[in-house]
């Protein structure tokens, strides 16, 4: 399903990684661990709510090359950005929505990404993101929406 989204801003923590390296899973796991263990969510100034966004942006070319991952929340403004944090704008545009359903501790999100990588959608490789909202609160029975910027 393709939908047009308005732009919005997210503030959080980030890591630079790439799919070619076996470190990408470790890099992403470490970022999630930092986000949770240091309670980053509550430290994000001007956050609108507690929905967490996992953002993939600053692609070198496609998903196999380098990119930046950001974990954060939507914010009203970026007047204050703590030293260890970054902000990014999810640009207005067309996004194809996928939904990962099931036990997120058993790889359902990665499985959905494998489906996306194999699909024939025309990706822009600008910014893609996952949304961890109310339906993701129970990790064993979660629903996580994934939005892919498309032509």
N, C-alpha and C. Protein backbone atom coordinates (compact mmCIF):
# COMPACT_ATOMS: atom_id res chain seq x y z
N UNK A 1 0.84 -1.17 0.00
CA UNK A 1 0.00 0.00 0.00
C UNK A 1 0.89 1.24 0.00
N UNK A 2 0.66 2.14 -0.94
CA UNK A 2 1.43 3.39 -1.01
C UNK A 2 0.59 4.53 -0.47
N UNK A 3 1.23 5.36 0.32
CA UNK A 3 0.55 6.50 0.93
C UNK A 3 1.45 7.72 0.87
N UNK A 4 0.84 8.89 0.84
CA UNK A 4 1.61 10.13 0.86
C UNK A 4 1.68 10.61 2.30
N UNK A 5 2.89 10.88 2.78
CA UNK A 5 3.09 11.35 4.14
C UNK A 5 3.61 12.78 4.15
N UNK A 6 3.18 13.54 5.14
CA UNK A 6 3.72 14.88 5.36
C UNK A 6 5.07 14.75 6.05
N UNK A 7 5.89 15.77 5.95
CA UNK A 7 7.20 15.72 6.60
C UNK A 7 7.05 15.88 8.12
N UNK A 8 8.00 15.30 8.83
CA UNK A 8 8.07 15.47 10.28
C UNK A 8 9.51 15.25 10.72
N UNK A 9 9.80 15.69 11.95
CA UNK A 9 11.17 15.66 12.47
C UNK A 9 11.27 14.65 13.60
N UNK A 10 12.40 13.94 13.63
CA UNK A 10 12.69 12.96 14.67
C UNK A 10 14.05 13.29 15.28
N UNK A 11 14.13 13.21 16.61
CA UNK A 11 15.39 13.39 17.32
C UNK A 11 15.69 12.09 18.06
N UNK A 12 16.97 11.70 18.06
CA UNK A 12 17.36 10.48 18.75
C UNK A 12 18.86 10.25 18.66
N UNK A 13 19.25 8.98 18.78
CA UNK A 13 20.66 8.61 18.70
C UNK A 13 20.89 7.86 17.39
N UNK A 14 22.15 7.82 16.94
CA UNK A 14 22.41 7.24 15.63
C UNK A 14 23.68 6.41 15.58
N UNK A 15 23.78 5.62 14.51
CA UNK A 15 24.98 4.85 14.21
C UNK A 15 25.11 4.78 12.69
N UNK A 16 26.35 4.81 12.21
CA UNK A 16 26.62 4.62 10.79
C UNK A 16 27.04 3.17 10.60
N UNK A 17 26.44 2.48 9.63
CA UNK A 17 26.76 1.07 9.41
C UNK A 17 26.55 0.73 7.93
N UNK A 18 26.73 -0.54 7.57
CA UNK A 18 26.42 -0.97 6.21
C UNK A 18 26.14 -2.46 6.18
N UNK A 19 25.36 -2.86 5.21
CA UNK A 19 24.90 -4.25 5.09
C UNK A 19 26.01 -5.18 4.64
N UNK A 20 27.04 -4.65 3.96
CA UNK A 20 28.14 -5.49 3.50
C UNK A 20 28.92 -6.08 4.66
N UNK A 21 28.96 -5.34 5.74
CA UNK A 21 29.70 -5.78 6.91
C UNK A 21 28.83 -6.66 7.78
N UNK A 22 29.43 -7.66 8.39
CA UNK A 22 28.67 -8.49 9.33
C UNK A 22 28.36 -7.70 10.60
N UNK A 23 28.97 -6.52 10.73
CA UNK A 23 28.77 -5.70 11.92
C UNK A 23 27.42 -4.98 11.94
N UNK A 24 26.70 -4.93 10.82
CA UNK A 24 25.47 -4.14 10.80
C UNK A 24 24.47 -4.64 11.83
N UNK A 25 24.35 -5.95 12.01
CA UNK A 25 23.41 -6.49 13.01
C UNK A 25 23.87 -6.12 14.41
N UNK A 26 25.18 -6.17 14.66
CA UNK A 26 25.72 -5.78 15.95
C UNK A 26 25.53 -4.28 16.18
N UNK A 27 25.83 -3.47 15.14
CA UNK A 27 25.68 -2.01 15.26
C UNK A 27 24.24 -1.64 15.61
N UNK A 28 23.29 -2.24 14.92
CA UNK A 28 21.88 -1.94 15.16
C UNK A 28 21.46 -2.45 16.53
N UNK A 29 21.88 -3.66 16.89
CA UNK A 29 21.57 -4.21 18.21
C UNK A 29 22.14 -3.35 19.33
N UNK A 30 23.38 -2.89 19.15
CA UNK A 30 24.01 -2.02 20.15
C UNK A 30 23.26 -0.70 20.28
N UNK A 31 22.80 -0.16 19.15
CA UNK A 31 22.05 1.11 19.20
C UNK A 31 20.75 0.92 19.98
N UNK A 32 20.03 -0.17 19.70
CA UNK A 32 18.80 -0.47 20.45
C UNK A 32 19.11 -0.65 21.94
N UNK A 33 20.19 -1.36 22.26
CA UNK A 33 20.56 -1.57 23.66
C UNK A 33 20.83 -0.24 24.36
N UNK A 34 21.55 0.65 23.70
CA UNK A 34 21.82 1.97 24.28
C UNK A 34 20.52 2.74 24.46
N UNK A 35 19.67 2.71 23.44
CA UNK A 35 18.40 3.43 23.50
C UNK A 35 17.58 2.99 24.71
N UNK A 36 17.53 1.68 24.92
CA UNK A 36 16.71 1.13 26.02
C UNK A 36 17.41 1.28 27.38
N UNK A 37 18.67 0.89 27.46
CA UNK A 37 19.35 0.87 28.76
C UNK A 37 19.61 2.27 29.31
N UNK A 38 19.81 3.25 28.42
CA UNK A 38 20.05 4.62 28.88
C UNK A 38 18.77 5.45 28.88
N UNK A 39 17.64 4.81 28.63
CA UNK A 39 16.34 5.48 28.64
C UNK A 39 16.34 6.75 27.80
N UNK A 40 16.86 6.62 26.58
CA UNK A 40 17.00 7.77 25.67
C UNK A 40 15.65 8.42 25.40
N UNK A 41 14.61 7.61 25.26
CA UNK A 41 13.27 8.14 24.97
C UNK A 41 12.91 9.31 25.89
N UNK A 42 13.12 9.15 27.18
CA UNK A 42 12.72 10.20 28.13
C UNK A 42 13.64 11.41 28.09
N UNK A 43 14.78 11.29 27.42
CA UNK A 43 15.73 12.39 27.34
C UNK A 43 15.55 13.24 26.08
N UNK A 44 14.63 12.85 25.21
CA UNK A 44 14.42 13.58 23.96
C UNK A 44 13.56 14.81 24.22
N UNK A 45 14.13 16.01 24.06
CA UNK A 45 13.36 17.23 24.31
C UNK A 45 12.26 17.43 23.26
N UNK A 46 11.16 18.00 23.68
CA UNK A 46 10.06 18.38 22.78
C UNK A 46 9.42 17.21 22.04
N UNK A 47 9.52 15.97 22.62
CA UNK A 47 8.92 14.83 21.93
C UNK A 47 7.40 14.93 22.01
N UNK A 48 6.76 14.51 20.93
CA UNK A 48 5.30 14.60 20.82
C UNK A 48 4.62 13.46 21.57
N UNK A 49 5.22 12.24 21.46
CA UNK A 49 4.68 11.08 22.17
C UNK A 49 5.80 10.05 22.31
N UNK A 50 5.46 8.85 22.75
CA UNK A 50 6.48 7.83 23.01
C UNK A 50 6.64 6.82 21.87
N UNK A 51 6.04 7.07 20.72
CA UNK A 51 6.25 6.21 19.57
C UNK A 51 7.71 6.31 19.15
N UNK A 52 8.35 5.15 18.96
CA UNK A 52 9.76 5.11 18.58
C UNK A 52 9.86 4.87 17.07
N UNK A 53 10.74 5.64 16.45
CA UNK A 53 11.02 5.51 15.02
C UNK A 53 12.43 4.98 14.83
N UNK A 54 12.56 3.93 14.03
CA UNK A 54 13.87 3.42 13.61
C UNK A 54 14.03 3.86 12.16
N UNK A 55 14.95 4.79 11.94
CA UNK A 55 15.08 5.46 10.64
C UNK A 55 16.36 5.01 9.96
N UNK A 56 16.25 4.78 8.67
CA UNK A 56 17.41 4.44 7.84
C UNK A 56 17.54 5.56 6.81
N UNK A 57 18.68 6.24 6.81
CA UNK A 57 18.83 7.42 5.97
C UNK A 57 20.29 7.62 5.57
N UNK A 58 20.54 8.65 4.80
CA UNK A 58 21.90 8.96 4.33
C UNK A 58 22.54 7.75 3.63
N UNK A 59 21.75 7.10 2.78
CA UNK A 59 22.24 5.95 2.03
C UNK A 59 23.37 6.37 1.08
N UNK A 60 24.44 5.58 1.02
CA UNK A 60 25.50 5.83 0.04
C UNK A 60 24.99 5.54 -1.36
N UNK A 61 24.21 4.47 -1.50
CA UNK A 61 23.60 4.15 -2.80
C UNK A 61 22.32 3.36 -2.58
N UNK A 62 22.44 2.10 -2.15
CA UNK A 62 21.25 1.31 -1.87
C UNK A 62 21.42 0.62 -0.51
N UNK A 63 20.57 -0.36 -0.22
CA UNK A 63 20.59 -0.98 1.11
C UNK A 63 21.85 -1.81 1.38
N UNK A 64 22.62 -2.12 0.33
CA UNK A 64 23.83 -2.93 0.53
C UNK A 64 25.04 -2.09 0.92
N UNK A 65 24.93 -0.79 0.77
CA UNK A 65 26.05 0.12 1.09
C UNK A 65 25.81 0.79 2.44
N UNK A 66 26.62 1.77 2.76
CA UNK A 66 26.52 2.46 4.04
C UNK A 66 25.24 3.28 4.18
N UNK A 67 24.80 3.39 5.43
CA UNK A 67 23.64 4.20 5.77
C UNK A 67 23.70 4.55 7.25
N UNK A 68 22.88 5.51 7.65
CA UNK A 68 22.78 5.90 9.05
C UNK A 68 21.46 5.39 9.59
N UNK A 69 21.51 4.81 10.79
CA UNK A 69 20.28 4.42 11.48
C UNK A 69 20.12 5.35 12.68
N UNK A 70 18.90 5.84 12.85
CA UNK A 70 18.56 6.71 13.97
C UNK A 70 17.40 6.08 14.73
N UNK A 71 17.51 6.03 16.04
CA UNK A 71 16.39 5.62 16.91
C UNK A 71 15.96 6.84 17.69
N UNK A 72 14.69 7.20 17.56
CA UNK A 72 14.23 8.39 18.26
C UNK A 72 12.73 8.54 18.23
N UNK A 73 12.30 9.76 18.54
CA UNK A 73 10.88 10.09 18.61
C UNK A 73 10.61 11.35 17.80
N UNK A 74 9.35 11.46 17.38
CA UNK A 74 8.89 12.67 16.72
C UNK A 74 8.95 13.83 17.69
N UNK A 75 9.37 14.99 17.21
CA UNK A 75 9.48 16.16 18.07
C UNK A 75 8.74 17.35 17.47
N UNK A 76 8.31 18.24 18.37
CA UNK A 76 7.64 19.47 17.93
C UNK A 76 8.61 20.41 17.25
N UNK A 77 9.84 20.47 17.77
CA UNK A 77 10.86 21.35 17.20
C UNK A 77 12.24 20.84 17.61
N UNK A 78 13.25 21.44 17.03
CA UNK A 78 14.63 21.05 17.34
C UNK A 78 15.38 22.20 18.02
N UNK A 79 14.66 22.96 18.82
CA UNK A 79 15.28 24.08 19.54
C UNK A 79 16.40 23.61 20.45
N UNK A 80 16.24 22.42 21.03
CA UNK A 80 17.24 21.84 21.92
C UNK A 80 17.52 20.41 21.47
N UNK A 81 18.78 20.14 21.11
CA UNK A 81 19.19 18.79 20.76
C UNK A 81 20.36 18.43 21.68
N UNK A 82 20.17 17.46 22.57
CA UNK A 82 21.26 17.08 23.47
C UNK A 82 22.52 16.66 22.69
N UNK A 83 23.65 16.79 23.36
CA UNK A 83 24.96 16.59 22.72
C UNK A 83 25.10 15.26 21.99
N UNK A 84 24.62 14.15 22.55
CA UNK A 84 24.79 12.83 21.94
C UNK A 84 23.71 12.51 20.89
N UNK A 85 22.80 13.44 20.66
CA UNK A 85 21.67 13.15 19.77
C UNK A 85 21.78 13.88 18.44
N UNK A 86 20.96 13.43 17.49
CA UNK A 86 20.86 14.04 16.17
C UNK A 86 19.38 14.22 15.85
N UNK A 87 19.11 15.05 14.87
CA UNK A 87 17.74 15.20 14.36
C UNK A 87 17.76 15.00 12.85
N UNK A 88 16.65 14.49 12.35
CA UNK A 88 16.49 14.33 10.91
C UNK A 88 15.06 14.61 10.54
N UNK A 89 14.86 15.00 9.30
CA UNK A 89 13.52 15.27 8.79
C UNK A 89 13.11 14.12 7.87
N UNK A 90 11.97 13.54 8.16
CA UNK A 90 11.36 12.58 7.24
C UNK A 90 10.64 13.44 6.21
N UNK A 91 11.12 13.37 4.98
CA UNK A 91 10.59 14.26 3.94
C UNK A 91 9.20 13.84 3.49
N UNK A 92 8.42 14.83 3.13
CA UNK A 92 7.10 14.58 2.54
C UNK A 92 7.30 13.76 1.27
N UNK A 93 6.39 12.82 1.06
CA UNK A 93 6.49 12.04 -0.17
C UNK A 93 5.68 10.78 -0.12
N UNK A 94 5.89 9.96 -1.15
CA UNK A 94 5.19 8.68 -1.25
C UNK A 94 6.00 7.60 -0.55
N UNK A 95 5.30 6.81 0.25
CA UNK A 95 5.92 5.72 0.98
C UNK A 95 5.06 4.47 0.80
N UNK A 96 5.73 3.35 0.55
CA UNK A 96 5.04 2.07 0.50
C UNK A 96 5.12 1.47 1.90
N UNK A 97 3.96 1.07 2.41
CA UNK A 97 3.88 0.56 3.78
C UNK A 97 3.85 -0.96 3.79
N UNK A 98 4.69 -1.52 4.65
CA UNK A 98 4.71 -2.95 4.93
C UNK A 98 4.45 -3.10 6.42
N UNK A 99 3.98 -4.25 6.86
CA UNK A 99 3.76 -4.48 8.29
C UNK A 99 4.35 -5.82 8.69
N UNK A 100 5.25 -5.76 9.68
CA UNK A 100 5.82 -6.98 10.26
C UNK A 100 4.95 -7.36 11.45
N UNK A 101 4.49 -8.61 11.48
CA UNK A 101 3.62 -9.08 12.57
C UNK A 101 4.20 -10.34 13.19
N UNK A 102 4.19 -10.36 14.52
CA UNK A 102 4.66 -11.55 15.22
C UNK A 102 5.63 -11.19 16.33
N UNK A 103 6.51 -12.14 16.64
CA UNK A 103 7.45 -12.01 17.74
C UNK A 103 8.71 -11.28 17.25
N UNK A 104 8.85 -10.02 17.66
CA UNK A 104 9.99 -9.24 17.18
C UNK A 104 11.32 -9.75 17.74
N UNK A 105 11.27 -10.54 18.81
CA UNK A 105 12.51 -11.11 19.34
C UNK A 105 12.97 -12.32 18.52
N UNK A 106 12.12 -12.74 17.57
CA UNK A 106 12.46 -13.90 16.74
C UNK A 106 12.66 -13.52 15.26
N UNK A 107 12.94 -12.24 15.00
CA UNK A 107 13.35 -11.85 13.65
C UNK A 107 12.27 -11.51 12.66
N UNK A 108 11.03 -11.25 13.08
CA UNK A 108 9.99 -10.97 12.09
C UNK A 108 10.25 -9.65 11.34
N UNK A 109 10.90 -8.71 11.98
CA UNK A 109 11.18 -7.45 11.30
C UNK A 109 12.25 -7.66 10.24
N UNK A 110 13.30 -8.37 10.58
CA UNK A 110 14.33 -8.67 9.58
C UNK A 110 13.74 -9.46 8.42
N UNK A 111 12.87 -10.40 8.71
CA UNK A 111 12.21 -11.18 7.65
C UNK A 111 11.41 -10.28 6.72
N UNK A 112 10.74 -9.29 7.29
CA UNK A 112 9.97 -8.36 6.45
C UNK A 112 10.92 -7.52 5.58
N UNK A 113 12.07 -7.13 6.15
CA UNK A 113 13.06 -6.41 5.35
C UNK A 113 13.58 -7.28 4.22
N UNK A 114 13.77 -8.57 4.46
CA UNK A 114 14.20 -9.46 3.37
C UNK A 114 13.17 -9.46 2.25
N UNK A 115 11.88 -9.44 2.60
CA UNK A 115 10.82 -9.36 1.58
C UNK A 115 10.91 -8.04 0.82
N UNK A 116 11.18 -6.95 1.54
CA UNK A 116 11.30 -5.63 0.90
C UNK A 116 12.48 -5.63 -0.07
N UNK A 117 13.64 -6.16 0.37
CA UNK A 117 14.82 -6.18 -0.49
C UNK A 117 14.58 -6.98 -1.76
N UNK A 118 13.76 -8.03 -1.67
CA UNK A 118 13.47 -8.87 -2.83
C UNK A 118 12.36 -8.30 -3.71
N UNK A 119 11.62 -7.33 -3.20
CA UNK A 119 10.48 -6.80 -3.94
C UNK A 119 10.93 -5.95 -5.12
N UNK A 120 9.99 -5.65 -6.00
CA UNK A 120 10.31 -4.84 -7.17
C UNK A 120 9.85 -3.39 -7.03
N UNK A 121 9.61 -2.93 -5.79
CA UNK A 121 9.21 -1.54 -5.62
C UNK A 121 10.38 -0.62 -6.00
N UNK A 122 10.05 0.54 -6.51
CA UNK A 122 11.07 1.49 -6.95
C UNK A 122 11.43 2.41 -5.78
N UNK A 123 12.47 2.02 -5.07
CA UNK A 123 12.88 2.76 -3.88
C UNK A 123 13.68 4.00 -4.23
N UNK A 124 13.54 5.02 -3.39
CA UNK A 124 14.29 6.25 -3.57
C UNK A 124 15.60 6.27 -2.78
N UNK A 125 15.69 5.46 -1.74
CA UNK A 125 16.86 5.43 -0.86
C UNK A 125 17.18 6.82 -0.31
N UNK A 126 16.12 7.47 0.17
CA UNK A 126 16.27 8.76 0.86
C UNK A 126 16.15 8.50 2.36
N UNK A 127 14.97 8.08 2.78
CA UNK A 127 14.71 7.77 4.18
C UNK A 127 13.62 6.71 4.24
N UNK A 128 13.89 5.66 4.99
CA UNK A 128 12.92 4.60 5.26
C UNK A 128 12.82 4.48 6.77
N UNK A 129 11.70 3.99 7.28
CA UNK A 129 11.59 3.92 8.74
C UNK A 129 10.58 2.88 9.21
N UNK A 130 10.82 2.43 10.45
CA UNK A 130 9.92 1.53 11.16
C UNK A 130 9.25 2.33 12.27
N UNK A 131 8.00 1.97 12.58
CA UNK A 131 7.25 2.68 13.62
C UNK A 131 6.88 1.70 14.72
N UNK A 132 7.39 1.97 15.92
CA UNK A 132 7.11 1.14 17.10
C UNK A 132 6.13 1.89 17.98
N UNK A 133 4.84 1.70 17.70
CA UNK A 133 3.78 2.37 18.43
C UNK A 133 3.07 1.45 19.40
N UNK A 134 1.81 1.72 19.64
CA UNK A 134 1.01 0.96 20.61
C UNK A 134 0.96 -0.53 20.27
N UNK A 135 0.91 -0.88 18.98
CA UNK A 135 0.80 -2.29 18.59
C UNK A 135 2.11 -3.05 18.73
N UNK A 136 3.18 -2.36 19.10
CA UNK A 136 4.48 -3.02 19.27
C UNK A 136 4.85 -3.19 20.74
N UNK A 137 3.93 -2.88 21.62
CA UNK A 137 4.23 -2.93 23.06
C UNK A 137 4.45 -4.35 23.57
N UNK A 138 3.76 -5.34 22.98
CA UNK A 138 3.97 -6.74 23.36
C UNK A 138 4.92 -7.35 22.33
N UNK A 139 6.21 -7.51 22.67
CA UNK A 139 7.17 -7.97 21.67
C UNK A 139 6.86 -9.34 21.07
N UNK A 140 6.15 -10.20 21.81
CA UNK A 140 5.84 -11.53 21.27
C UNK A 140 4.66 -11.51 20.30
N UNK A 141 3.89 -10.45 20.30
CA UNK A 141 2.73 -10.33 19.40
C UNK A 141 2.64 -8.89 18.91
N UNK A 142 3.67 -8.47 18.21
CA UNK A 142 3.78 -7.06 17.81
C UNK A 142 3.39 -6.84 16.35
N UNK A 143 3.05 -5.59 16.07
CA UNK A 143 2.87 -5.11 14.70
C UNK A 143 3.72 -3.87 14.55
N UNK A 144 4.66 -3.92 13.59
CA UNK A 144 5.54 -2.80 13.33
C UNK A 144 5.39 -2.40 11.87
N UNK A 145 4.99 -1.16 11.65
CA UNK A 145 4.85 -0.68 10.28
C UNK A 145 6.21 -0.22 9.77
N UNK A 146 6.49 -0.55 8.50
CA UNK A 146 7.73 -0.16 7.85
C UNK A 146 7.34 0.68 6.63
N UNK A 147 7.92 1.87 6.52
CA UNK A 147 7.61 2.78 5.43
C UNK A 147 8.85 2.96 4.56
N UNK A 148 8.69 2.70 3.27
CA UNK A 148 9.80 2.77 2.31
C UNK A 148 9.51 3.92 1.33
N UNK A 149 10.45 4.86 1.23
CA UNK A 149 10.28 5.97 0.29
C UNK A 149 10.34 5.42 -1.14
N UNK A 150 9.28 5.72 -1.90
CA UNK A 150 9.18 5.19 -3.26
C UNK A 150 8.86 6.30 -4.25
N UNK A 151 9.06 5.96 -5.50
CA UNK A 151 8.80 6.91 -6.59
C UNK A 151 7.32 7.14 -6.74
